Amino acid sequence: MAGRFAPKPTRTTTRGGHLPLPTAEDAPLDLGLTLGPLRRGPADPAFRVTPDGSVWRASRTPDGPGTIRIRIDEGKPGAEAWGPGRDWLLDGLPGLLGAEDDPTAFVPRHGLLLATLRRRKGLRLTRTGLVLESLIPSILEQKVTTHEAYGSWRTLVRKYGEPAPGPAPEGMYVMPDARTWTQIPSWEWHRANVDGKRSATIVRAARVAARLEEAARMDPPAARRRLELVPGIGPWTSAETVQRSNGAPDEVTTGDLHLPGIVGWALAGDRTADDEAMLELLAPYAGQRHRAARLILLSGRVPPRRAPRRAPGDITRL
């Protein structure tokens, strides 16, 4: 799933939904690396990779639900889209594929980062332009394992979303609209293994969805401040959201259980690093700290575990 592209697409049809993107030798693109952060688990009903290498996404756009299929054809990315949100998705394709990202702004100052950058040179930072579709799954991931959060997301989207438009792969769904999120009964949150704190935060966010979606057009620090006005949304959640919605190269995640130790181990051999130590280690990459963290995670260099993972919880048994 690798190719090259230039940031300005050219439409060849007005109705058929086909949008080829021209190539550019100085702009490598790896679809898997670039779009991977948008996938919430291997069975995400809004994201699918098919055997031919195509990436399918089902999104709720300002124009309504839409499905987009992105693929590399003879080294050149192209896309087709369906549904009321078709044109919005096609217009946003360059940003989605990292056309607004500048990988050359990153200067590796550590051998691990240099080696990883050479191996993963197709990495671009995606920008979806959509806040709620990254915010809600990030809220679901608060204080639980990713396995639990992915299961909750899958359950809720399948039950309250709608089938993805067009010839999407079977089982793909568009996430619910903001009003539907506010109307999910308490017992259905419970069945989806979502506690009251997280469900209440999602409902509060959905009630001001229009104001939060405006954050996608703000600079990342202002966008995070807007999101954090909602009770229950803190620095961890806002960073995880704007990294995807705004394509923010410097918004590093703090408050994470594992990331400081991973960064500390990779850059200084210190598995006990906390947020303060992590930010100090990432300081030389100011402006590109999120990219540095992504490259560290992609390097595979993680500290050995000293204790077993926390057992997943099941609030349906409480």
C-alpha atoms as a PDB file:
ATOM      1  CA  MET A   1       0.000   0.000   0.000  1.00  0.00           C
ATOM      2  CA  ALA A   2       2.700   2.451  -0.937  1.00  0.00           C
ATOM      3  CA  GLY A   3       2.769   5.139  -3.577  1.00  0.00           C
ATOM      4  CA  ARG A   4       3.556   8.770  -4.233  1.00  0.00           C
ATOM      5  CA  PHE A   5       1.327  11.752  -4.639  1.00  0.00           C
ATOM      6  CA  ALA A   6       1.220  15.498  -5.035  1.00  0.00           C
ATOM      7  CA  PRO A   7      -1.087  17.552  -2.845  1.00  0.00           C
ATOM      8  CA  LYS A   8      -3.485  18.953  -5.459  1.00  0.00           C
ATOM      9  CA  PRO A   9      -5.878  16.359  -6.925  1.00  0.00           C
ATOM     10  CA  THR A  10      -7.545  16.725 -10.304  1.00  0.00           C
ATOM     11  CA  ARG A  11     -11.123  15.564 -10.785  1.00  0.00           C
ATOM     12  CA  THR A  12     -11.702  13.673 -13.997  1.00  0.00           C
ATOM     13  CA  THR A  13     -15.461  13.257 -13.573  1.00  0.00           C
ATOM     14  CA  THR A  14     -18.196  15.175 -11.803  1.00  0.00           C
ATOM     15  CA  ARG A  15     -20.526  12.256 -11.063  1.00  0.00           C
ATOM     16  CA  GLY A  16     -18.544   9.046 -11.140  1.00  0.00           C
ATOM     17  CA  GLY A  17     -16.682   9.615  -7.886  1.00  0.00           C
ATOM     18  CA  HIS A  18     -13.223   8.863  -9.310  1.00  0.00           C
ATOM     19  CA  LEU A  19     -10.403  11.113  -8.113  1.00  0.00           C
ATOM     20  CA  PRO A  20      -6.900  10.248  -9.360  1.00  0.00           C
ATOM     21  CA  LEU A  21      -3.963  11.929  -7.675  1.00  0.00           C
ATOM     22  CA  PRO A  22      -0.821  12.730  -9.665  1.00  0.00           C
ATOM     23  CA  THR A  23       2.514  11.321  -8.594  1.00  0.00           C
ATOM     24  CA  ALA A  24       5.468  13.235  -7.154  1.00  0.00           C
ATOM     25  CA  GLU A  25       8.813  11.539  -6.756  1.00  0.00           C
ATOM     26  CA  ASP A  26       9.690  13.516  -3.636  1.00  0.00           C
ATOM     27  CA  ALA A  27       6.499  12.613  -1.734  1.00  0.00           C
ATOM     28  CA  PRO A  28       6.420   8.933  -0.712  1.00  0.00           C
ATOM     29  CA  LEU A  29       3.182   7.658   0.727  1.00  0.00           C
ATOM     30  CA  ASP A  30       2.353   4.495   2.629  1.00  0.00           C
ATOM     31  CA  LEU A  31      -1.407   4.127   3.054  1.00  0.00           C
ATOM     32  CA  GLY A  32      -1.081   1.717   5.961  1.00  0.00           C
ATOM     33  CA  LEU A  33       1.239   3.937   7.985  1.00  0.00           C
ATOM     34  CA  THR A  34      -0.647   7.129   7.183  1.00  0.00           C
ATOM     35  CA  LEU A  35      -4.215   5.954   7.735  1.00  0.00           C
ATOM     36  CA  GLY A  36      -3.495   3.296  10.364  1.00  0.00           C
ATOM     37  CA  PRO A  37      -4.197   5.611  13.354  1.00  0.00           C
ATOM     38  CA  LEU A  38      -7.796   5.997  12.129  1.00  0.00           C
ATOM     39  CA  ARG A  39      -8.485   2.285  12.574  1.00  0.00           C
ATOM     40  CA  ARG A  40      -9.968   1.404  15.947  1.00  0.00           C
ATOM     41  CA  GLY A  41      -9.084  -2.251  16.146  1.00  0.00           C
ATOM     42  CA  PRO A  42      -8.984  -5.043  13.550  1.00  0.00           C
ATOM     43  CA  ALA A  43     -12.800  -5.241  13.355  1.00  0.00           C
ATOM     44  CA  ASP A  44     -13.532  -1.497  13.203  1.00  0.00           C
ATOM     45  CA  PRO A  45     -16.861  -1.251  11.346  1.00  0.00           C
ATOM     46  CA  ALA A  46     -15.856   2.152   9.908  1.00  0.00           C
ATOM     47  CA  PHE A  47     -12.482   1.051   8.515  1.00  0.00           C
ATOM     48  CA  ARG A  48     -11.514  -1.853   6.297  1.00  0.00           C
ATOM     49  CA  VAL A  49      -8.494  -2.961   4.300  1.00  0.00           C
ATOM     50  CA  THR A  50      -9.398  -5.370   1.514  1.00  0.00           C
ATOM     51  CA  PRO A  51      -7.136  -8.033  -0.041  1.00  0.00           C
ATOM     52  CA  ASP A  52      -6.396  -5.798  -3.057  1.00  0.00           C
ATOM     53  CA  GLY A  53      -4.792  -3.258  -0.701  1.00  0.00           C
ATOM     54  CA  SER A  54      -7.645  -0.753  -0.829  1.00  0.00           C
ATOM     55  CA  VAL A  55      -8.479   1.213   2.315  1.00  0.00           C
ATOM     56  CA  TRP A  56     -12.206   1.799   2.884  1.00  0.00           C
ATOM     57  CA  ARG A  57     -13.487   4.401   5.355  1.00  0.00           C
ATOM     58  CA  ALA A  58     -17.064   5.178   6.353  1.00  0.00           C
ATOM     59  CA  SER A  59     -17.452   8.678   7.791  1.00  0.00           C
ATOM     60  CA  ARG A  60     -20.157  11.074   8.872  1.00  0.00           C
ATOM     61  CA  THR A  61     -19.289  14.314   7.108  1.00  0.00           C
ATOM     62  CA  PRO A  62     -20.945  17.753   7.378  1.00  0.00           C
ATOM     63  CA  ASP A  63     -22.891  16.745   4.225  1.00  0.00           C
ATOM     64  CA  GLY A  64     -23.985  13.388   5.627  1.00  0.00           C
ATOM     65  CA  PRO A  65     -22.700   9.814   5.589  1.00  0.00           C
ATOM     66  CA  GLY A  66     -20.161   8.776   3.021  1.00  0.00           C
ATOM     67  CA  THR A  67     -17.839   5.952   2.080  1.00  0.00           C
ATOM     68  CA  ILE A  68     -14.454   6.375   0.438  1.00  0.00           C
ATOM     69  CA  ARG A  69     -12.206   3.753  -1.108  1.00  0.00           C
ATOM     70  CA  ILE A  70      -8.544   4.699  -1.458  1.00  0.00           C
ATOM     71  CA  ARG A  71      -6.011   2.619  -3.313  1.00  0.00           C
ATOM     72  CA  ILE A  72      -2.621   2.741  -4.992  1.00  0.00           C
ATOM     73  CA  ASP A  73      -2.864   2.098  -8.721  1.00  0.00           C
ATOM     74  CA  GLU A  74       0.406   1.900 -10.648  1.00  0.00           C
ATOM     75  CA  GLY A  75       2.144   3.879  -7.941  1.00  0.00           C
ATOM     76  CA  LYS A  76      -0.494   6.613  -7.850  1.00  0.00           C
ATOM     77  CA  PRO A  77      -3.189   7.012  -5.170  1.00  0.00           C
ATOM     78  CA  GLY A  78      -6.779   7.395  -6.292  1.00  0.00           C
ATOM     79  CA  ALA A  79     -10.189   7.288  -4.678  1.00  0.00           C
ATOM     80  CA  GLU A  80     -13.877   6.688  -5.224  1.00  0.00           C
ATOM     81  CA  ALA A  81     -16.629   7.797  -2.863  1.00  0.00           C
ATOM     82  CA  TRP A  82     -20.355   7.291  -2.378  1.00  0.00           C
ATOM     83  CA  GLY A  83     -23.225   8.729  -0.372  1.00  0.00           C
ATOM     84  CA  PRO A  84     -24.257  12.297   0.512  1.00  0.00           C
ATOM     85  CA  GLY A  85     -20.768  12.921   1.938  1.00  0.00           C
ATOM     86  CA  ARG A  86     -19.031  11.819  -1.286  1.00  0.00           C
ATOM     87  CA  ASP A  87     -17.845  15.224  -2.495  1.00  0.00           C
ATOM     88  CA  TRP A  88     -16.766  16.298   0.985  1.00  0.00           C
ATOM     89  CA  LEU A  89     -14.637  13.176   1.331  1.00  0.00           C
ATOM     90  CA  LEU A  90     -13.055  13.586  -2.093  1.00  0.00           C
ATOM     91  CA  ASP A  91     -12.314  17.252  -1.442  1.00  0.00           C
ATOM     92  CA  GLY A  92     -10.621  16.279   1.828  1.00  0.00           C
ATOM     93  CA  LEU A  93      -8.590  13.426   0.345  1.00  0.00           C
ATOM     94  CA  PRO A  94      -5.279  15.336   0.039  1.00  0.00           C
ATOM     95  CA  GLY A  95      -5.391  16.264   3.722  1.00  0.00           C
ATOM     96  CA  LEU A  96      -6.348  12.703   4.630  1.00  0.00           C
ATOM     97  CA  LEU A  97      -3.277  11.436   2.789  1.00  0.00           C
ATOM     98  CA  GLY A  98      -0.955  13.951   4.423  1.00  0.00           C
ATOM     99  CA  ALA A  99      -0.660  16.605   1.724  1.00  0.00           C
ATOM    100  CA  GLU A 100      -0.607  19.281   4.439  1.00  0.00           C
ATOM    101  CA  ASP A 101       2.111  17.443   6.357  1.00  0.00           C
ATOM    102  CA  ASP A 102       5.787  18.285   5.886  1.00  0.00           C
ATOM    103  CA  PRO A 103       7.975  15.287   6.740  1.00  0.00           C
ATOM    104  CA  THR A 104      11.099  17.281   5.848  1.00  0.00           C
ATOM    105  CA  ALA A 105      10.529  19.462   8.920  1.00  0.00           C
ATOM    106  CA  PHE A 106      11.621  16.551  11.094  1.00  0.00           C
ATOM    107  CA  VAL A 107      15.353  16.276  11.795  1.00  0.00           C
ATOM    108  CA  PRO A 108      16.278  12.995  13.556  1.00  0.00           C
ATOM    109  CA  ARG A 109      18.795  13.505  16.356  1.00  0.00           C
ATOM    110  CA  HIS A 110      18.961   9.915  17.544  1.00  0.00           C
ATOM    111  CA  GLY A 111      20.140   6.824  15.711  1.00  0.00           C
ATOM    112  CA  LEU A 112      16.892   4.966  16.392  1.00  0.00           C
ATOM    113  CA  LEU A 113      14.801   7.736  14.883  1.00  0.00           C
ATOM    114  CA  LEU A 114      17.073   8.008  11.868  1.00  0.00           C
ATOM    115  CA  ALA A 115      16.906   4.261  11.223  1.00  0.00           C
ATOM    116  CA  THR A 116      13.121   4.177  11.680  1.00  0.00           C
ATOM    117  CA  LEU A 117      12.636   7.191   9.427  1.00  0.00           C
ATOM    118  CA  ARG A 118      14.573   5.447   6.669  1.00  0.00           C
ATOM    119  CA  ARG A 119      12.468   2.299   7.030  1.00  0.00           C
ATOM    120  CA  ARG A 120       9.173   4.179   7.361  1.00  0.00           C
ATOM    121  CA  LYS A 121       9.693   7.035   4.925  1.00  0.00           C
ATOM    122  CA  GLY A 122       6.142   6.607   3.607  1.00  0.00           C
ATOM    123  CA  LEU A 123       4.677   7.919   6.885  1.00  0.00           C
ATOM    124  CA  ARG A 124       2.561  11.043   6.525  1.00  0.00           C
ATOM    125  CA  LEU A 125       0.399  12.570   9.266  1.00  0.00           C
ATOM    126  CA  THR A 126      -3.247  12.363   8.295  1.00  0.00           C
ATOM    127  CA  ARG A 127      -5.774  15.166   8.734  1.00  0.00           C
ATOM    128  CA  THR A 128      -9.410  14.057   8.632  1.00  0.00           C
ATOM    129  CA  GLY A 129     -11.050  17.438   9.261  1.00  0.00           C
ATOM    130  CA  LEU A 130     -13.578  15.609  11.460  1.00  0.00           C
ATOM    131  CA  VAL A 131     -13.501  15.906  15.245  1.00  0.00           C
ATOM    132  CA  LEU A 132     -16.254  13.712  16.662  1.00  0.00           C
ATOM    133  CA  GLU A 133     -15.198  10.579  14.766  1.00  0.00           C
ATOM    134  CA  SER A 134     -11.815  10.693  16.549  1.00  0.00           C
ATOM    135  CA  LEU A 135     -13.028  12.212  19.814  1.00  0.00           C
ATOM    136  CA  ILE A 136     -15.659   9.595  20.680  1.00  0.00           C
ATOM    137  CA  PRO A 137     -13.406   6.529  20.308  1.00  0.00           C
ATOM    138  CA  SER A 138     -10.692   8.392  22.214  1.00  0.00           C
ATOM    139  CA  ILE A 139     -13.117   8.957  25.087  1.00  0.00           C
ATOM    140  CA  LEU A 140     -13.978   5.257  24.980  1.00  0.00           C
ATOM    141  CA  GLU A 141     -10.260   4.504  25.403  1.00  0.00           C
ATOM    142  CA  GLN A 142      -9.955   6.490  28.631  1.00  0.00           C
ATOM    143  CA  LYS A 143      -8.685   4.356  31.533  1.00  0.00           C
ATOM    144  CA  VAL A 144      -9.408   0.999  29.860  1.00  0.00           C
ATOM    145  CA  THR A 145      -7.492  -1.383  27.618  1.00  0.00           C
ATOM    146  CA  THR A 146      -7.619  -0.768  23.883  1.00  0.00           C
ATOM    147  CA  HIS A 147      -9.245  -4.186  23.495  1.00  0.00           C
ATOM    148  CA  GLU A 148     -12.139  -3.095  25.711  1.00  0.00           C
ATOM    149  CA  ALA A 149     -12.477   0.255  23.964  1.00  0.00           C
ATOM    150  CA  TYR A 150     -12.435  -1.283  20.506  1.00  0.00           C
ATOM    151  CA  GLY A 151     -15.192  -3.665  21.535  1.00  0.00           C
ATOM    152  CA  SER A 152     -17.338  -0.815  22.850  1.00  0.00           C
ATOM    153  CA  TRP A 153     -16.830   1.228  19.670  1.00  0.00           C
ATOM    154  CA  ARG A 154     -17.692  -1.762  17.498  1.00  0.00           C
ATOM    155  CA  THR A 155     -20.849  -2.544  19.454  1.00  0.00           C
ATOM    156  CA  LEU A 156     -22.180   1.027  19.486  1.00  0.00           C
ATOM    157  CA  VAL A 157     -21.435   1.826  15.852  1.00  0.00           C
ATOM    158  CA  ARG A 158     -23.055  -1.367  14.623  1.00  0.00           C
ATOM    159  CA  LYS A 159     -26.138  -0.896  16.782  1.00  0.00           C
ATOM    160  CA  TYR A 160     -26.731   2.847  16.364  1.00  0.00           C
ATOM    161  CA  GLY A 161     -24.902   3.709  13.135  1.00  0.00           C
ATOM    162  CA  GLU A 162     -26.084   3.041   9.591  1.00  0.00           C
ATOM    163  CA  PRO A 163     -24.740   0.831   6.817  1.00  0.00           C
ATOM    164  CA  ALA A 164     -21.978   2.499   4.820  1.00  0.00           C
ATOM    165  CA  PRO A 165     -23.198   3.891   1.456  1.00  0.00           C
ATOM    166  CA  GLY A 166     -22.120   2.414  -1.848  1.00  0.00           C
ATOM    167  CA  PRO A 167     -20.513  -0.956  -2.545  1.00  0.00           C
ATOM    168  CA  ALA A 168     -18.693  -0.976   0.779  1.00  0.00           C
ATOM    169  CA  PRO A 169     -17.475  -4.294   2.169  1.00  0.00           C
ATOM    170  CA  GLU A 170     -20.108  -6.146   4.143  1.00  0.00           C
ATOM    171  CA  GLY A 171     -20.369  -5.094   7.769  1.00  0.00           C
ATOM    172  CA  MET A 172     -19.159  -1.530   7.343  1.00  0.00           C
ATOM    173  CA  TYR A 173     -21.087   1.200   9.172  1.00  0.00           C
ATOM    174  CA  VAL A 174     -21.073   4.971   9.486  1.00  0.00           C
ATOM    175  CA  MET A 175     -20.945   6.087  13.111  1.00  0.00           C
ATOM    176  CA  PRO A 176     -24.129   7.569  14.657  1.00  0.00           C
ATOM    177  CA  ASP A 177     -24.879  11.267  14.298  1.00  0.00           C
ATOM    178  CA  ALA A 178     -24.488  13.580  17.288  1.00  0.00           C
ATOM    179  CA  ARG A 179     -28.186  13.487  18.234  1.00  0.00           C
ATOM    180  CA  THR A 180     -28.216   9.679  18.282  1.00  0.00           C
ATOM    181  CA  TRP A 181     -25.215   9.563  20.637  1.00  0.00           C
ATOM    182  CA  THR A 182     -27.173  11.710  23.117  1.00  0.00           C
ATOM    183  CA  GLN A 183     -30.160   9.336  23.013  1.00  0.00           C
ATOM    184  CA  ILE A 184     -28.433   6.022  23.714  1.00  0.00           C
ATOM    185  CA  PRO A 185     -30.100   4.566  26.841  1.00  0.00           C
ATOM    186  CA  SER A 186     -28.011   4.007  29.942  1.00  0.00           C
ATOM    187  CA  TRP A 187     -28.487   0.245  29.787  1.00  0.00           C
ATOM    188  CA  GLU A 188     -27.133   0.126  26.237  1.00  0.00           C
ATOM    189  CA  TRP A 189     -23.964   1.912  27.336  1.00  0.00           C
ATOM    190  CA  HIS A 190     -23.766  -0.684  30.086  1.00  0.00           C
ATOM    191  CA  ARG A 191     -24.153  -3.534  27.587  1.00  0.00           C
ATOM    192  CA  ALA A 192     -21.382  -2.005  25.480  1.00  0.00           C
ATOM    193  CA  ASN A 193     -19.117  -2.079  28.556  1.00  0.00           C
ATOM    194  CA  VAL A 194     -18.963   1.722  28.855  1.00  0.00           C
ATOM    195  CA  ASP A 195     -19.119   3.163  32.372  1.00  0.00           C
ATOM    196  CA  GLY A 196     -21.159   6.196  33.341  1.00  0.00           C
ATOM    197  CA  LYS A 197     -18.231   8.607  33.351  1.00  0.00           C
ATOM    198  CA  ARG A 198     -17.213   7.907  29.766  1.00  0.00           C
ATOM    199  CA  SER A 199     -20.773   7.757  28.447  1.00  0.00           C
ATOM    200  CA  ALA A 200     -21.613  11.071  30.136  1.00  0.00           C
ATOM    201  CA  THR A 201     -18.549  12.678  28.550  1.00  0.00           C
ATOM    202  CA  ILE A 202     -19.589  11.447  25.098  1.00  0.00           C
ATOM    203  CA  VAL A 203     -23.115  12.780  25.584  1.00  0.00           C
ATOM    204  CA  ARG A 204     -21.798  16.181  26.708  1.00  0.00           C
ATOM    205  CA  ALA A 205     -19.517  16.320  23.667  1.00  0.00           C
ATOM    206  CA  ALA A 206     -22.278  15.296  21.279  1.00  0.00           C
ATOM    207  CA  ARG A 207     -24.548  18.044  22.600  1.00  0.00           C
ATOM    208  CA  VAL A 208     -22.010  20.668  21.509  1.00  0.00           C
ATOM    209  CA  ALA A 209     -20.850  18.776  18.417  1.00  0.00           C
ATOM    210  CA  ALA A 210     -21.101  21.766  16.091  1.00  0.00           C
ATOM    211  CA  ARG A 211     -18.805  23.843  18.299  1.00  0.00           C
ATOM    212  CA  LEU A 212     -16.339  20.979  18.631  1.00  0.00           C
ATOM    213  CA  GLU A 213     -16.235  20.343  14.883  1.00  0.00           C
ATOM    214  CA  GLU A 214     -15.079  23.944  14.467  1.00  0.00           C
ATOM    215  CA  ALA A 215     -11.856  22.888  16.194  1.00  0.00           C
ATOM    216  CA  ALA A 216     -10.773  21.034  13.040  1.00  0.00           C
ATOM    217  CA  ARG A 217     -10.172  24.425  11.427  1.00  0.00           C
ATOM    218  CA  MET A 218      -8.203  25.846  14.371  1.00  0.00           C
ATOM    219  CA  ASP A 219      -4.516  25.616  15.102  1.00  0.00           C
ATOM    220  CA  PRO A 220      -3.900  22.515  17.253  1.00  0.00           C
ATOM    221  CA  PRO A 221      -3.331  24.246  20.629  1.00  0.00           C
ATOM    222  CA  ALA A 222      -6.551  26.265  20.223  1.00  0.00           C
ATOM    223  CA  ALA A 223      -8.375  23.132  19.091  1.00  0.00           C
ATOM    224  CA  ARG A 224      -7.283  21.291  22.223  1.00  0.00           C
ATOM    225  CA  ARG A 225      -8.432  24.163  24.430  1.00  0.00           C
ATOM    226  CA  ARG A 226     -11.828  24.052  22.748  1.00  0.00           C
ATOM    227  CA  LEU A 227     -12.173  20.310  23.339  1.00  0.00           C
ATOM    228  CA  GLU A 228     -11.040  20.533  26.957  1.00  0.00           C
ATOM    229  CA  LEU A 229     -13.889  22.913  27.774  1.00  0.00           C
ATOM    230  CA  VAL A 230     -16.075  19.796  27.868  1.00  0.00           C
ATOM    231  CA  PRO A 231     -15.939  18.169  31.328  1.00  0.00           C
ATOM    232  CA  GLY A 232     -14.308  14.764  31.053  1.00  0.00           C
ATOM    233  CA  ILE A 233     -12.030  15.705  28.153  1.00  0.00           C
ATOM    234  CA  GLY A 234      -8.456  16.242  29.311  1.00  0.00           C
ATOM    235  CA  PRO A 235      -5.013  16.527  27.709  1.00  0.00           C
ATOM    236  CA  TRP A 236      -4.765  12.837  26.802  1.00  0.00           C
ATOM    237  CA  THR A 237      -8.077  12.811  24.931  1.00  0.00           C
ATOM    238  CA  SER A 238      -7.613  16.173  23.240  1.00  0.00           C
ATOM    239  CA  ALA A 239      -4.149  15.213  21.973  1.00  0.00           C
ATOM    240  CA  GLU A 240      -5.339  11.857  20.639  1.00  0.00           C
ATOM    241  CA  THR A 241      -8.151  13.658  18.812  1.00  0.00           C
ATOM    242  CA  VAL A 242      -6.317  16.569  17.190  1.00  0.00           C
ATOM    243  CA  GLN A 243      -3.483  14.307  16.074  1.00  0.00           C
ATOM    244  CA  ARG A 244      -6.058  12.805  13.712  1.00  0.00           C
ATOM    245  CA  SER A 245      -8.551  15.589  13.059  1.00  0.00           C
ATOM    246  CA  ASN A 246      -5.989  18.371  12.610  1.00  0.00           C
ATOM    247  CA  GLY A 247      -2.889  16.469  11.499  1.00  0.00           C
ATOM    248  CA  ALA A 248      -0.962  17.955  14.414  1.00  0.00           C
ATOM    249  CA  PRO A 249       2.754  17.047  14.277  1.00  0.00           C
ATOM    250  CA  ASP A 250       3.641  18.553  17.666  1.00  0.00           C
ATOM    251  CA  GLU A 251       0.714  17.490  19.879  1.00  0.00           C
ATOM    252  CA  VAL A 252       2.312  14.704  21.887  1.00  0.00           C
ATOM    253  CA  THR A 253       0.086  12.571  24.115  1.00  0.00           C
ATOM    254  CA  THR A 254       0.578  13.052  27.860  1.00  0.00           C
ATOM    255  CA  GLY A 255      -1.130  11.143  30.628  1.00  0.00           C
ATOM    256  CA  ASP A 256      -0.604   7.835  28.859  1.00  0.00           C
ATOM    257  CA  LEU A 257       0.191   4.756  30.928  1.00  0.00           C
ATOM    258  CA  HIS A 258       2.864   3.385  28.592  1.00  0.00           C
ATOM    259  CA  LEU A 259       4.150   6.124  26.254  1.00  0.00           C
ATOM    260  CA  PRO A 260       6.576   7.873  28.659  1.00  0.00           C
ATOM    261  CA  GLY A 261       8.289   4.590  29.453  1.00  0.00           C
ATOM    262  CA  ILE A 262       8.498   3.661  25.770  1.00  0.00           C
ATOM    263  CA  VAL A 263       9.980   7.046  24.818  1.00  0.00           C
ATOM    264  CA  GLY A 264      12.331   6.984  27.800  1.00  0.00           C
ATOM    265  CA  TRP A 265      13.535   3.488  26.999  1.00  0.00           C
ATOM    266  CA  ALA A 266      14.040   4.264  23.299  1.00  0.00           C
ATOM    267  CA  LEU A 267      15.885   7.548  23.704  1.00  0.00           C
ATOM    268  CA  ALA A 268      17.610   7.206  27.091  1.00  0.00           C
ATOM    269  CA  GLY A 269      17.308   3.616  28.263  1.00  0.00           C
ATOM    270  CA  ASP A 270      15.020   4.760  31.096  1.00  0.00           C
ATOM    271  CA  ARG A 271      11.879   2.686  31.416  1.00  0.00           C
ATOM    272  CA  THR A 272      10.671   4.686  34.436  1.00  0.00           C
ATOM    273  CA  ALA A 273      10.302   7.983  32.576  1.00  0.00           C
ATOM    274  CA  ASP A 274       7.208  10.049  33.386  1.00  0.00           C
ATOM    275  CA  ASP A 275       5.520  12.768  31.333  1.00  0.00           C
ATOM    276  CA  GLU A 276       8.000  15.412  32.435  1.00  0.00           C
ATOM    277  CA  ALA A 277      10.987  13.261  31.464  1.00  0.00           C
ATOM    278  CA  MET A 278       9.335  12.286  28.184  1.00  0.00           C
ATOM    279  CA  LEU A 279       8.732  15.908  27.212  1.00  0.00           C
ATOM    280  CA  GLU A 280      12.319  16.749  28.072  1.00  0.00           C
ATOM    281  CA  LEU A 281      13.573  13.959  25.816  1.00  0.00           C
ATOM    282  CA  LEU A 282      11.285  15.138  23.021  1.00  0.00           C
ATOM    283  CA  ALA A 283      12.214  18.815  23.441  1.00  0.00           C
ATOM    284  CA  PRO A 284      14.815  18.711  20.608  1.00  0.00           C
ATOM    285  CA  TYR A 285      11.936  17.828  18.287  1.00  0.00           C
ATOM    286  CA  ALA A 286       9.775  20.844  19.166  1.00  0.00           C
ATOM    287  CA  GLY A 287       7.233  21.311  16.415  1.00  0.00           C
ATOM    288  CA  GLN A 288       7.483  17.609  15.521  1.00  0.00           C
ATOM    289  CA  ARG A 289       7.147  15.842  18.881  1.00  0.00           C
ATOM    290  CA  HIS A 290       4.146  13.757  17.846  1.00  0.00           C
ATOM    291  CA  ARG A 291       5.985  12.558  14.747  1.00  0.00           C
ATOM    292  CA  ALA A 292       8.971  11.636  16.919  1.00  0.00           C
ATOM    293  CA  ALA A 293       6.699   9.619  19.222  1.00  0.00           C
ATOM    294  CA  ARG A 294       5.075   7.890  16.235  1.00  0.00           C
ATOM    295  CA  LEU A 295       8.479   6.894  14.890  1.00  0.00           C
ATOM    296  CA  ILE A 296       9.501   5.547  18.288  1.00  0.00           C
ATOM    297  CA  LEU A 297       6.358   3.417  18.430  1.00  0.00           C
ATOM    298  CA  LEU A 298       6.984   2.219  14.877  1.00  0.00           C
ATOM    299  CA  SER A 299      10.562   1.280  15.761  1.00  0.00           C
ATOM    300  CA  GLY A 300       9.343  -1.579  17.923  1.00  0.00           C
ATOM    301  CA  ARG A 301      11.833  -0.776  20.682  1.00  0.00           C
ATOM    302  CA  VAL A 302       9.817  -1.118  23.862  1.00  0.00           C
ATOM    303  CA  PRO A 303      10.939  -1.884  27.420  1.00  0.00           C
ATOM    304  CA  PRO A 304      10.449  -5.446  28.675  1.00  0.00           C
ATOM    305  CA  ARG A 305       7.377  -5.858  30.835  1.00  0.00           C
ATOM    306  CA  ARG A 306       7.849  -6.329  34.556  1.00  0.00           C
ATOM    307  CA  ALA A 307       4.238  -7.050  35.438  1.00  0.00           C
ATOM    308  CA  PRO A 308       1.303  -8.697  33.678  1.00  0.00           C
ATOM    309  CA  ARG A 309      -1.148  -6.529  31.842  1.00  0.00           C
ATOM    310  CA  ARG A 310      -4.220  -5.341  33.693  1.00  0.00           C
ATOM    311  CA  ALA A 311      -7.050  -7.770  33.213  1.00  0.00           C
ATOM    312  CA  PRO A 312      -9.863  -6.279  31.110  1.00  0.00           C
ATOM    313  CA  GLY A 313     -12.883  -5.212  33.092  1.00  0.00           C
ATOM    314  CA  ASP A 314     -16.502  -6.073  32.386  1.00  0.00           C
ATOM    315  CA  ILE A 315     -18.912  -3.541  33.829  1.00  0.00           C
ATOM    316  CA  THR A 316     -21.863  -5.667  32.724  1.00  0.00           C
ATOM    317  CA  ARG A 317     -21.088  -7.890  35.717  1.00  0.00           C
ATOM    318  CA  LEU A 318     -21.264  -5.055  38.225  1.00  0.00           C
END
